Amino acid sequence: MVPAKQLRELSGKSTATAIKRWASQQGIRVLDGAEGPWTTIEALNAALGVKEASNDQAYSPDIL
């Protein structure tokens, strides 16, 4: 979870409305919380175009 405090720091905005506007412009989905808007790491990654690794295989100890 990315709380309102971190979104304020990331956006440089102080009001909930300004943070929501900034997040919308960046393509970041946010939800309303008691402390202000919040989001998830997954939502931030999606907005940045970061995807999960498709090869989730462990490396062999032999590579060391």
PDB file of N, CA and C in Angstrom:
ATOM      1  N   MET A   1       0.831  -1.178   0.000  1.00  0.00           N
ATOM      2  CA  MET A   1       0.000   0.000   0.000  1.00  0.00           C
ATOM      3  C   MET A   1       0.881   1.249   0.000  1.00  0.00           C
ATOM      4  N   VAL A   2       0.457   2.239  -0.744  1.00  0.00           N
ATOM      5  CA  VAL A   2       1.140   3.531  -0.779  1.00  0.00           C
ATOM      6  C   VAL A   2       0.191   4.542  -0.133  1.00  0.00           C
ATOM      7  N   PRO A   3       0.481   4.953   1.107  1.00  0.00           N
ATOM      8  CA  PRO A   3      -0.430   5.840   1.824  1.00  0.00           C
ATOM      9  C   PRO A   3      -0.399   7.280   1.312  1.00  0.00           C
ATOM     10  N   ALA A   4      -1.351   8.064   1.802  1.00  0.00           N
ATOM     11  CA  ALA A   4      -1.492   9.463   1.393  1.00  0.00           C
ATOM     12  C   ALA A   4      -0.201  10.248   1.607  1.00  0.00           C
ATOM     13  N   LYS A   5       0.484   9.995   2.709  1.00  0.00           N
ATOM     14  CA  LYS A   5       1.725  10.731   2.999  1.00  0.00           C
ATOM     15  C   LYS A   5       2.747  10.535   1.880  1.00  0.00           C
ATOM     16  N   GLN A   6       2.904   9.306   1.421  1.00  0.00           N
ATOM     17  CA  GLN A   6       3.868   9.047   0.343  1.00  0.00           C
ATOM     18  C   GLN A   6       3.402   9.655  -0.975  1.00  0.00           C
ATOM     19  N   LEU A   7       2.096   9.621  -1.225  1.00  0.00           N
ATOM     20  CA  LEU A   7       1.591  10.249  -2.447  1.00  0.00           C
ATOM     21  C   LEU A   7       1.820  11.757  -2.415  1.00  0.00           C
ATOM     22  N   ARG A   8       1.690  12.374  -1.236  1.00  0.00           N
ATOM     23  CA  ARG A   8       1.983  13.806  -1.107  1.00  0.00           C
ATOM     24  C   ARG A   8       3.444  14.079  -1.466  1.00  0.00           C
ATOM     25  N   GLU A   9       4.335  13.228  -0.965  1.00  0.00           N
ATOM     26  CA  GLU A   9       5.766  13.395  -1.248  1.00  0.00           C
ATOM     27  C   GLU A   9       6.066  13.178  -2.729  1.00  0.00           C
ATOM     28  N   LEU A  10       5.478  12.142  -3.313  1.00  0.00           N
ATOM     29  CA  LEU A  10       5.721  11.842  -4.728  1.00  0.00           C
ATOM     30  C   LEU A  10       5.191  12.936  -5.648  1.00  0.00           C
ATOM     31  N   SER A  11       4.007  13.436  -5.316  1.00  0.00           N
ATOM     32  CA  SER A  11       3.346  14.400  -6.194  1.00  0.00           C
ATOM     33  C   SER A  11       3.785  15.835  -5.949  1.00  0.00           C
ATOM     34  N   GLY A  12       4.232  16.125  -4.731  1.00  0.00           N
ATOM     35  CA  GLY A  12       4.538  17.504  -4.382  1.00  0.00           C
ATOM     36  C   GLY A  12       3.282  18.317  -4.101  1.00  0.00           C
ATOM     37  N   LYS A  13       2.152  17.644  -4.002  1.00  0.00           N
ATOM     38  CA  LYS A  13       0.859  18.299  -3.751  1.00  0.00           C
ATOM     39  C   LYS A  13       0.475  18.109  -2.294  1.00  0.00           C
ATOM     40  N   SER A  14      -0.357  19.023  -1.771  1.00  0.00           N
ATOM     41  CA  SER A  14      -0.721  18.912  -0.359  1.00  0.00           C
ATOM     42  C   SER A  14      -2.186  18.577  -0.121  1.00  0.00           C
ATOM     43  N   THR A  15      -3.067  18.945  -1.033  1.00  0.00           N
ATOM     44  CA  THR A  15      -4.487  18.666  -0.814  1.00  0.00           C
ATOM     45  C   THR A  15      -4.890  17.366  -1.494  1.00  0.00           C
ATOM     46  N   ALA A  16      -5.929  16.746  -0.954  1.00  0.00           N
ATOM     47  CA  ALA A  16      -6.417  15.488  -1.523  1.00  0.00           C
ATOM     48  C   ALA A  16      -6.852  15.679  -2.969  1.00  0.00           C
ATOM     49  N   THR A  17      -7.518  16.793  -3.250  1.00  0.00           N
ATOM     50  CA  THR A  17      -7.982  17.059  -4.615  1.00  0.00           C
ATOM     51  C   THR A  17      -6.808  17.178  -5.577  1.00  0.00           C
ATOM     52  N   ALA A  18      -5.770  17.888  -5.168  1.00  0.00           N
ATOM     53  CA  ALA A  18      -4.593  18.062  -6.026  1.00  0.00           C
ATOM     54  C   ALA A  18      -3.871  16.738  -6.242  1.00  0.00           C
ATOM     55  N   ILE A  19      -3.794  15.915  -5.202  1.00  0.00           N
ATOM     56  CA  ILE A  19      -3.148  14.604  -5.331  1.00  0.00           C
ATOM     57  C   ILE A  19      -3.936  13.729  -6.295  1.00  0.00           C
ATOM     58  N   LYS A  20      -5.270  13.726  -6.166  1.00  0.00           N
ATOM     59  CA  LYS A  20      -6.105  12.920  -7.068  1.00  0.00           C
ATOM     60  C   LYS A  20      -5.961  13.387  -8.510  1.00  0.00           C
ATOM     61  N   ARG A  21      -5.920  14.698  -8.727  1.00  0.00           N
ATOM     62  CA  ARG A  21      -5.755  15.233 -10.075  1.00  0.00           C
ATOM     63  C   ARG A  21      -4.409  14.803 -10.649  1.00  0.00           C
ATOM     64  N   TRP A  22      -3.352  14.934  -9.853  1.00  0.00           N
ATOM     65  CA  TRP A  22      -2.011  14.527 -10.289  1.00  0.00           C
ATOM     66  C   TRP A  22      -1.992  13.040 -10.623  1.00  0.00           C
ATOM     67  N   ALA A  23      -2.561  12.221  -9.731  1.00  0.00           N
ATOM     68  CA  ALA A  23      -2.575  10.775  -9.948  1.00  0.00           C
ATOM     69  C   ALA A  23      -3.331  10.431 -11.224  1.00  0.00           C
ATOM     70  N   SER A  24      -4.452  11.085 -11.449  1.00  0.00           N
ATOM     71  CA  SER A  24      -5.234  10.835 -12.661  1.00  0.00           C
ATOM     72  C   SER A  24      -4.425  11.180 -13.911  1.00  0.00           C
ATOM     73  N   GLN A  25      -3.714  12.290 -13.873  1.00  0.00           N
ATOM     74  CA  GLN A  25      -2.876  12.699 -15.006  1.00  0.00           C
ATOM     75  C   GLN A  25      -1.751  11.701 -15.267  1.00  0.00           C
ATOM     76  N   GLN A  26      -1.294  11.034 -14.211  1.00  0.00           N
ATOM     77  CA  GLN A  26      -0.216  10.052 -14.336  1.00  0.00           C
ATOM     78  C   GLN A  26      -0.736   8.652 -14.646  1.00  0.00           C
ATOM     79  N   GLY A  27      -2.050   8.472 -14.644  1.00  0.00           N
ATOM     80  CA  GLY A  27      -2.627   7.150 -14.888  1.00  0.00           C
ATOM     81  C   GLY A  27      -2.589   6.243 -13.673  1.00  0.00           C
ATOM     82  N   ILE A  28      -2.515   6.836 -12.484  1.00  0.00           N
ATOM     83  CA  ILE A  28      -2.447   6.063 -11.244  1.00  0.00           C
ATOM     84  C   ILE A  28      -3.834   6.021 -10.614  1.00  0.00           C
ATOM     85  N   ARG A  29      -4.342   4.824 -10.394  1.00  0.00           N
ATOM     86  CA  ARG A  29      -5.630   4.671  -9.727  1.00  0.00           C
ATOM     87  C   ARG A  29      -5.453   4.894  -8.235  1.00  0.00           C
ATOM     88  N   VAL A  30      -6.296   5.745  -7.654  1.00  0.00           N
ATOM     89  CA  VAL A  30      -6.252   6.007  -6.218  1.00  0.00           C
ATOM     90  C   VAL A  30      -7.629   5.787  -5.610  1.00  0.00           C
ATOM     91  N   LEU A  31      -7.633   5.521  -4.319  1.00  0.00           N
ATOM     92  CA  LEU A  31      -8.860   5.354  -3.551  1.00  0.00           C
ATOM     93  C   LEU A  31      -8.847   6.355  -2.405  1.00  0.00           C
ATOM     94  N   ASP A  32     -10.037   6.724  -1.926  1.00  0.00           N
ATOM     95  CA  ASP A  32     -10.137   7.650  -0.802  1.00  0.00           C
ATOM     96  C   ASP A  32      -9.962   6.908   0.509  1.00  0.00           C
ATOM     97  N   GLY A  33      -9.148   7.467   1.378  1.00  0.00           N
ATOM     98  CA  GLY A  33      -8.950   6.910   2.710  1.00  0.00           C
ATOM     99  C   GLY A  33      -9.128   7.993   3.759  1.00  0.00           C
ATOM    100  N   ALA A  34      -9.103   7.617   5.009  1.00  0.00           N
ATOM    101  CA  ALA A  34      -9.282   8.567   6.106  1.00  0.00           C
ATOM    102  C   ALA A  34      -8.190   9.640   6.114  1.00  0.00           C
ATOM    103  N   GLU A  35      -6.975   9.261   5.724  1.00  0.00           N
ATOM    104  CA  GLU A  35      -5.847  10.197   5.711  1.00  0.00           C
ATOM    105  C   GLU A  35      -5.705  10.924   4.377  1.00  0.00           C
ATOM    106  N   GLY A  36      -6.479  10.512   3.380  1.00  0.00           N
ATOM    107  CA  GLY A  36      -6.383  11.079   2.039  1.00  0.00           C
ATOM    108  C   GLY A  36      -6.276   9.961   1.026  1.00  0.00           C
ATOM    109  N   PRO A  37      -6.029  10.310  -0.240  1.00  0.00           N
ATOM    110  CA  PRO A  37      -5.960   9.290  -1.283  1.00  0.00           C
ATOM    111  C   PRO A  37      -4.801   8.320  -1.048  1.00  0.00           C
ATOM    112  N   TRP A  38      -5.015   7.079  -1.423  1.00  0.00           N
ATOM    113  CA  TRP A  38      -3.971   6.063  -1.315  1.00  0.00           C
ATOM    114  C   TRP A  38      -4.051   5.169  -2.542  1.00  0.00           C
ATOM    115  N   THR A  39      -3.008   4.388  -2.761  1.00  0.00           N
ATOM    116  CA  THR A  39      -2.971   3.470  -3.898  1.00  0.00           C
ATOM    117  C   THR A  39      -2.149   2.248  -3.513  1.00  0.00           C
ATOM    118  N   THR A  40      -1.859   1.434  -4.494  1.00  0.00           N
ATOM    119  CA  THR A  40      -1.057   0.236  -4.269  1.00  0.00           C
ATOM    120  C   THR A  40       0.209   0.302  -5.118  1.00  0.00           C
ATOM    121  N   ILE A  41       1.183  -0.488  -4.732  1.00  0.00           N
ATOM    122  CA  ILE A  41       2.409  -0.609  -5.532  1.00  0.00           C
ATOM    123  C   ILE A  41       2.057  -1.112  -6.929  1.00  0.00           C
ATOM    124  N   GLU A  42       1.114  -2.040  -7.000  1.00  0.00           N
ATOM    125  CA  GLU A  42       0.703  -2.591  -8.290  1.00  0.00           C
ATOM    126  C   GLU A  42       0.144  -1.501  -9.197  1.00  0.00           C
ATOM    127  N   ALA A  43      -0.656  -0.583  -8.635  1.00  0.00           N
ATOM    128  CA  ALA A  43      -1.222   0.509  -9.430  1.00  0.00           C
ATOM    129  C   ALA A  43      -0.124   1.453  -9.912  1.00  0.00           C
ATOM    130  N   LEU A  44       0.857   1.727  -9.064  1.00  0.00           N
ATOM    131  CA  LEU A  44       1.991   2.559  -9.486  1.00  0.00           C
ATOM    132  C   LEU A  44       2.771   1.874 -10.598  1.00  0.00           C
ATOM    133  N   ASN A  45       3.057   0.588 -10.422  1.00  0.00           N
ATOM    134  CA  ASN A  45       3.791  -0.155 -11.446  1.00  0.00           C
ATOM    135  C   ASN A  45       3.034  -0.175 -12.765  1.00  0.00           C
ATOM    136  N   ALA A  46       1.722  -0.361 -12.709  1.00  0.00           N
ATOM    137  CA  ALA A  46       0.913  -0.378 -13.931  1.00  0.00           C
ATOM    138  C   ALA A  46       1.002   0.968 -14.646  1.00  0.00           C
ATOM    139  N   ALA A  47       0.952   2.057 -13.894  1.00  0.00           N
ATOM    140  CA  ALA A  47       1.046   3.385 -14.492  1.00  0.00           C
ATOM    141  C   ALA A  47       2.419   3.619 -15.115  1.00  0.00           C
ATOM    142  N   LEU A  48       3.443   3.008 -14.530  1.00  0.00           N
ATOM    143  CA  LEU A  48       4.806   3.146 -15.047  1.00  0.00           C
ATOM    144  C   LEU A  48       5.115   2.161 -16.166  1.00  0.00           C
ATOM    145  N   GLY A  49       4.210   1.206 -16.383  1.00  0.00           N
ATOM    146  CA  GLY A  49       4.432   0.199 -17.413  1.00  0.00           C
ATOM    147  C   GLY A  49       5.298  -0.953 -16.953  1.00  0.00           C
ATOM    148  N   VAL A  50       5.481  -1.086 -15.648  1.00  0.00           N
ATOM    149  CA  VAL A  50       6.283  -2.176 -15.093  1.00  0.00           C
ATOM    150  C   VAL A  50       5.407  -3.411 -14.987  1.00  0.00           C
ATOM    151  N   LYS A  51       5.888  -4.520 -15.513  1.00  0.00           N
ATOM    152  CA  LYS A  51       5.126  -5.764 -15.472  1.00  0.00           C
ATOM    153  C   LYS A  51       5.879  -6.803 -14.662  1.00  0.00           C
ATOM    154  N   GLU A  52       5.142  -7.800 -14.205  1.00  0.00           N
ATOM    155  CA  GLU A  52       5.770  -8.897 -13.473  1.00  0.00           C
ATOM    156  C   GLU A  52       6.666  -9.697 -14.407  1.00  0.00           C
ATOM    157  N   ALA A  53       7.695 -10.281 -13.845  1.00  0.00           N
ATOM    158  CA  ALA A  53       8.582 -11.137 -14.628  1.00  0.00           C
ATOM    159  C   ALA A  53       7.810 -12.349 -15.124  1.00  0.00           C
ATOM    160  N   SER A  54       8.008 -12.693 -16.377  1.00  0.00           N
ATOM    161  CA  SER A  54       7.283 -13.835 -16.932  1.00  0.00           C
ATOM    162  C   SER A  54       7.985 -15.155 -16.627  1.00  0.00           C
ATOM    163  N   ASN A  55       9.247 -15.077 -16.287  1.00  0.00           N
ATOM    164  CA  ASN A  55       9.990 -16.298 -15.954  1.00  0.00           C
ATOM    165  C   ASN A  55      10.263 -16.300 -14.452  1.00  0.00           C
ATOM    166  N   ASP A  56       9.419 -16.928 -13.726  1.00  0.00           N
ATOM    167  CA  ASP A  56       9.515 -16.922 -12.271  1.00  0.00           C
ATOM    168  C   ASP A  56      10.285 -18.143 -11.776  1.00  0.00           C
ATOM    169  N   GLN A  57      11.326 -18.509 -12.504  1.00  0.00           N
ATOM    170  CA  GLN A  57      12.099 -19.692 -12.153  1.00  0.00           C
ATOM    171  C   GLN A  57      13.277 -19.303 -11.269  1.00  0.00           C
ATOM    172  N   ALA A  58      13.600 -20.157 -10.359  1.00  0.00           N
ATOM    173  CA  ALA A  58      14.755 -19.932  -9.495  1.00  0.00           C
ATOM    174  C   ALA A  58      16.035 -20.270 -10.259  1.00  0.00           C
ATOM    175  N   TYR A  59      17.099 -19.544  -9.938  1.00  0.00           N
ATOM    176  CA  TYR A  59      18.391 -19.842 -10.541  1.00  0.00           C
ATOM    177  C   TYR A  59      19.034 -21.023  -9.828  1.00  0.00           C
ATOM    178  N   SER A  60      19.796 -21.770 -10.568  1.00  0.00           N
ATOM    179  CA  SER A  60      20.535 -22.885  -9.998  1.00  0.00           C
ATOM    180  C   SER A  60      21.726 -22.342  -9.210  1.00  0.00           C
ATOM    181  N   PRO A  61      22.075 -22.956  -8.100  1.00  0.00           N
ATOM    182  CA  PRO A  61      23.251 -22.513  -7.339  1.00  0.00           C
ATOM    183  C   PRO A  61      24.541 -22.649  -8.145  1.00  0.00           C
ATOM    184  N   ASP A  62      24.515 -23.409  -9.223  1.00  0.00           N
ATOM    185  CA  ASP A  62      25.707 -23.618 -10.050  1.00  0.00           C
ATOM    186  C   ASP A  62      26.161 -22.350 -10.773  1.00  0.00           C
ATOM    187  N   ILE A  63      25.313 -21.356 -10.885  1.00  0.00           N
ATOM    188  CA  ILE A  63      25.715 -20.147 -11.613  1.00  0.00           C
ATOM    189  C   ILE A  63      26.685 -19.291 -10.811  1.00  0.00           C
ATOM    190  N   LEU A  64      26.809 -19.575  -9.524  1.00  0.00           N
ATOM    191  CA  LEU A  64      27.721 -18.792  -8.685  1.00  0.00           C
ATOM    192  C   LEU A  64      29.088 -19.264  -8.856  1.00  0.00           C
TER     193      LEU A  64
END
